[in-house]
Amino acid sequence: MKLFVGSLPYNTTETELNELFGQYGSVVDTNLVTDHFTGQTKGFAFVEMETRSAGHKAMEDLNGKEYKHRQLVCNEAKPAKKKKFRRG
């Protein structure tokens, strides 16, 4: 199950996310989104849990929870939209 995690502090690392979500089950993948030019994190990430039950438990416990003085947003990630390219 893939989760969207928002309102993260900008100094959060993928290791910290793995530790936080690892309490609920096996973490398959962590993608901390960064700015293409500066490399600074954008304050959100995607975390993929091995099972839906682990994902739901993490979502229930972490959504609205305070983490490093920020209130987390945690919900199921929506499928990515396909980008349309224009030919010019």
Protein backbone atom coordinates (compact mmCIF):
# COMPACT_ATOMS: atom_id res chain seq x y z
CA MET A 1 0.00 0.00 0.00
CA LYS A 2 1.41 3.36 -1.02
CA LEU A 3 0.92 6.28 1.38
CA PHE A 4 1.22 10.03 0.91
CA VAL A 5 2.88 11.75 3.87
CA GLY A 6 2.62 15.53 3.99
CA SER A 7 3.52 18.42 6.28
CA LEU A 8 6.95 16.93 6.94
CA PRO A 9 9.71 19.10 8.38
CA TYR A 10 12.20 20.02 5.64
CA ASN A 11 15.06 18.34 7.52
CA THR A 12 13.38 14.90 7.55
CA THR A 13 15.45 12.07 6.04
CA GLU A 14 14.38 8.83 4.34
CA THR A 15 16.03 6.92 7.19
CA GLU A 16 13.81 8.71 9.71
CA LEU A 17 10.72 7.93 7.63
CA ASN A 18 11.72 4.27 7.42
CA GLU A 19 12.10 4.16 11.21
CA LEU A 20 8.77 5.93 11.78
CA PHE A 21 6.77 3.72 9.42
CA GLY A 22 8.76 0.58 10.25
CA GLN A 23 6.93 0.48 13.58
CA TYR A 24 3.80 -0.58 11.65
CA GLY A 25 5.28 -3.19 9.32
CA SER A 26 7.79 -3.70 6.57
CA VAL A 27 8.57 -0.61 4.46
CA VAL A 28 9.08 -1.52 0.79
CA ASP A 29 10.09 1.91 -0.53
CA THR A 30 10.46 5.51 0.65
CA ASN A 31 10.49 8.45 -1.74
CA LEU A 32 11.19 11.81 -0.10
CA VAL A 33 10.34 14.41 -2.76
CA THR A 34 13.02 17.05 -3.36
CA ASP A 35 13.29 20.19 -5.46
CA HIS A 36 14.96 19.42 -8.80
CA PHE A 37 17.25 22.46 -8.68
CA THR A 38 18.10 22.97 -5.00
CA GLY A 39 17.88 19.42 -3.67
CA GLN A 40 15.83 20.73 -0.71
CA THR A 41 12.98 18.49 0.40
CA LYS A 42 9.49 19.74 -0.45
CA GLY A 43 7.89 18.62 2.81
CA PHE A 44 6.15 15.51 1.53
CA ALA A 45 6.97 11.90 0.71
CA PHE A 46 5.55 8.61 -0.48
CA VAL A 47 6.01 5.52 1.65
CA GLU A 48 5.10 2.06 0.37
CA MET A 49 4.18 -0.52 2.99
CA GLU A 50 4.38 -4.25 2.28
CA THR A 51 0.77 -4.97 3.31
CA ARG A 52 -2.50 -3.04 3.24
CA SER A 53 -3.10 -3.80 6.92
CA ALA A 54 0.25 -2.23 7.87
CA GLY A 55 -0.53 0.77 5.66
CA HIS A 56 -3.96 1.27 7.22
CA LYS A 57 -2.55 1.00 10.75
CA ALA A 58 0.19 3.56 9.95
CA MET A 59 -2.38 5.87 8.35
CA GLU A 60 -4.72 5.68 11.35
CA ASP A 61 -1.96 6.29 13.89
CA LEU A 62 0.11 8.92 12.07
CA ASN A 63 -2.50 11.12 10.38
CA GLY A 64 -2.73 14.25 12.54
CA LYS A 65 0.10 13.13 14.83
CA GLU A 66 2.74 15.70 15.79
CA TYR A 67 6.19 14.90 14.41
CA LYS A 68 9.07 17.34 14.98
CA HIS A 69 6.60 20.13 15.83
CA ARG A 70 4.53 19.57 12.65
CA GLN A 71 1.15 17.87 12.34
CA LEU A 72 1.49 15.04 9.81
CA VAL A 73 -0.92 14.35 6.98
CA CYS A 74 -0.99 10.66 6.09
CA ASN A 75 -3.39 9.07 3.63
CA GLU A 76 -3.50 6.61 0.77
CA ALA A 77 -1.62 7.90 -2.28
CA LYS A 78 -3.65 8.53 -5.41
CA PRO A 79 -2.42 7.09 -8.72
CA ALA A 80 -0.12 9.42 -10.65
CA LYS A 81 -1.70 11.27 -13.55
CA LYS A 82 -0.22 10.70 -16.96
CA LYS A 83 1.41 13.78 -18.41
CA LYS A 84 0.34 14.95 -21.84
CA PHE A 85 3.09 16.22 -24.09
CA ARG A 86 2.44 18.87 -26.71
CA ARG A 87 4.08 18.71 -30.05
CA GLY A 88 5.00 22.04 -31.42
